[in-house]
Amino acid sequence: MHILERMKQNPIVWFLLKSVFYFLIMMVLIYMYGYSGVNNSGFIYNEF
């Protein structure tokens, strides 16, 4: 149990955990953006 308490107080461990967490959030957002259909529409000025 002392190992977990020491890891909680270590700033390097917190930095790595936060970095992994934010990286996962960014990957999920990029994955969801691929299915949003943003790139499926035509260019607006093609019909003029």
Foldseek 3Di string as FASTA:
>chain_A
DVVVVVLVVDVVNVVVVVVVVVVVVVVVVVVVVVPPCPPVDDDPPPVD
